[in-house]
Amino acid sequence: MNTQELNQKLIALQINPTFYSLDGRIVVGQVLEKKDNNLFLVYSVDDRGGQYNKHEFAKEEEACEYLYNFFLKYPEN
């Protein structure tokens, strides 16, 4: 799955779009970011801008699957 497909799945799950960013934009919640070295990062951002629970992936599909599974487990985060 890519970020467009992930976005559609999150909409279907009725995940509030303010809880995530799939384009690297920093939001309080979950962020998926593509780095210049073709790595994908998924991490949480708190209300003070702190980043934690960082996970690095070599493929977009892996990052999207991780984030999708996160929201299946924690739909209100």
C-alpha atoms as a PDB file:
ATOM      1  CA  MET A   1       0.000   0.000   0.000  1.00  0.00           C
ATOM      2  CA  ASN A   2       1.174   3.554  -0.663  1.00  0.00           C
ATOM      3  CA  THR A   3       0.254   6.775   1.155  1.00  0.00           C
ATOM      4  CA  GLN A   4      -2.769   7.440  -1.077  1.00  0.00           C
ATOM      5  CA  GLU A   5      -4.162   3.981  -0.359  1.00  0.00           C
ATOM      6  CA  LEU A   6      -3.371   4.381   3.336  1.00  0.00           C
ATOM      7  CA  ASN A   7      -5.239   7.670   3.418  1.00  0.00           C
ATOM      8  CA  GLN A   8      -8.318   6.003   1.925  1.00  0.00           C
ATOM      9  CA  LYS A   9      -8.127   3.185   4.484  1.00  0.00           C
ATOM     10  CA  LEU A  10      -7.816   5.657   7.360  1.00  0.00           C
ATOM     11  CA  ILE A  11     -10.839   7.558   6.050  1.00  0.00           C
ATOM     12  CA  ALA A  12     -12.761   4.256   5.909  1.00  0.00           C
ATOM     13  CA  LEU A  13     -11.766   3.606   9.544  1.00  0.00           C
ATOM     14  CA  GLN A  14     -13.049   7.100  10.366  1.00  0.00           C
ATOM     15  CA  ILE A  15      -9.693   8.178  11.806  1.00  0.00           C
ATOM     16  CA  ASN A  16      -9.729  11.913  12.418  1.00  0.00           C
ATOM     17  CA  PRO A  17      -7.420  13.425   9.757  1.00  0.00           C
ATOM     18  CA  THR A  18      -5.991  15.838  12.312  1.00  0.00           C
ATOM     19  CA  PHE A  19      -4.434  12.816  14.076  1.00  0.00           C
ATOM     20  CA  TYR A  20      -1.977  12.052  11.263  1.00  0.00           C
ATOM     21  CA  SER A  21       0.155  13.423   8.456  1.00  0.00           C
ATOM     22  CA  LEU A  22       1.238  11.357   5.475  1.00  0.00           C
ATOM     23  CA  ASP A  23       3.329  14.069   3.823  1.00  0.00           C
ATOM     24  CA  GLY A  24       5.833  14.847   6.588  1.00  0.00           C
ATOM     25  CA  ARG A  25       3.890  17.856   7.856  1.00  0.00           C
ATOM     26  CA  ILE A  26       4.258  17.995  11.638  1.00  0.00           C
ATOM     27  CA  VAL A  27       0.987  17.457  13.510  1.00  0.00           C
ATOM     28  CA  VAL A  28       0.207  16.347  17.031  1.00  0.00           C
ATOM     29  CA  GLY A  29      -0.312  12.647  16.421  1.00  0.00           C
ATOM     30  CA  GLN A  30       1.313  10.325  13.890  1.00  0.00           C
ATOM     31  CA  VAL A  31       3.617  11.456  11.093  1.00  0.00           C
ATOM     32  CA  LEU A  32       4.850   9.522   8.053  1.00  0.00           C
ATOM     33  CA  GLU A  33       7.780  11.285   6.424  1.00  0.00           C
ATOM     34  CA  LYS A  34       9.923  10.419   3.403  1.00  0.00           C
ATOM     35  CA  LYS A  35      13.554  11.356   3.941  1.00  0.00           C
ATOM     36  CA  ASP A  36      16.010  12.406   1.226  1.00  0.00           C
ATOM     37  CA  ASN A  37      17.829   9.075   1.489  1.00  0.00           C
ATOM     38  CA  ASN A  38      14.637   7.220   0.423  1.00  0.00           C
ATOM     39  CA  LEU A  39      13.914   6.049   3.948  1.00  0.00           C
ATOM     40  CA  PHE A  40      10.484   6.430   5.470  1.00  0.00           C
ATOM     41  CA  LEU A  41       9.997   7.504   9.074  1.00  0.00           C
ATOM     42  CA  VAL A  42       6.890   7.018  11.174  1.00  0.00           C
ATOM     43  CA  TYR A  43       6.803   8.729  14.546  1.00  0.00           C
ATOM     44  CA  SER A  44       4.576  10.302  17.151  1.00  0.00           C
ATOM     45  CA  VAL A  45       4.522  14.011  17.934  1.00  0.00           C
ATOM     46  CA  ASP A  46       3.295  15.361  21.248  1.00  0.00           C
ATOM     47  CA  ASP A  47       1.668  18.739  21.891  1.00  0.00           C
ATOM     48  CA  ARG A  48       5.066  20.331  22.584  1.00  0.00           C
ATOM     49  CA  GLY A  49       6.534  19.144  19.293  1.00  0.00           C
ATOM     50  CA  GLY A  50       8.545  16.313  20.812  1.00  0.00           C
ATOM     51  CA  GLN A  51       9.078  13.360  18.528  1.00  0.00           C
ATOM     52  CA  TYR A  52       9.121   9.816  19.908  1.00  0.00           C
ATOM     53  CA  ASN A  53       8.479   6.171  18.985  1.00  0.00           C
ATOM     54  CA  LYS A  54      10.427   6.639  15.751  1.00  0.00           C
ATOM     55  CA  HIS A  55      10.430   3.761  13.298  1.00  0.00           C
ATOM     56  CA  GLU A  56      12.469   3.713  10.088  1.00  0.00           C
ATOM     57  CA  PHE A  57      11.488   1.738   6.993  1.00  0.00           C
ATOM     58  CA  ALA A  58      13.233   1.060   3.694  1.00  0.00           C
ATOM     59  CA  LYS A  59       9.961   0.874   1.753  1.00  0.00           C
ATOM     60  CA  GLU A  60       6.864   3.046   1.630  1.00  0.00           C
ATOM     61  CA  GLU A  61       4.685  -0.069   1.827  1.00  0.00           C
ATOM     62  CA  GLU A  62       6.253  -1.110   5.136  1.00  0.00           C
ATOM     63  CA  ALA A  63       5.767   2.344   6.649  1.00  0.00           C
ATOM     64  CA  CYS A  64       2.147   2.483   5.511  1.00  0.00           C
ATOM     65  CA  GLU A  65       1.391  -0.993   6.867  1.00  0.00           C
ATOM     66  CA  TYR A  66       2.934  -0.051  10.209  1.00  0.00           C
ATOM     67  CA  LEU A  67       0.861   3.126  10.475  1.00  0.00           C
ATOM     68  CA  TYR A  68      -2.318   1.351   9.361  1.00  0.00           C
ATOM     69  CA  ASN A  69      -1.829  -1.341  11.994  1.00  0.00           C
ATOM     70  CA  PHE A  70      -1.131   1.340  14.596  1.00  0.00           C
ATOM     71  CA  PHE A  71      -4.511   2.941  13.924  1.00  0.00           C
ATOM     72  CA  LEU A  72      -6.251  -0.421  13.958  1.00  0.00           C
ATOM     73  CA  LYS A  73      -4.861  -0.958  17.463  1.00  0.00           C
ATOM     74  CA  TYR A  74      -5.177   2.656  18.688  1.00  0.00           C
ATOM     75  CA  PRO A  75      -7.932   4.328  16.634  1.00  0.00           C
ATOM     76  CA  GLU A  76      -8.080   7.469  18.763  1.00  0.00           C
ATOM     77  CA  ASN A  77      -4.375   8.349  18.628  1.00  0.00           C
END
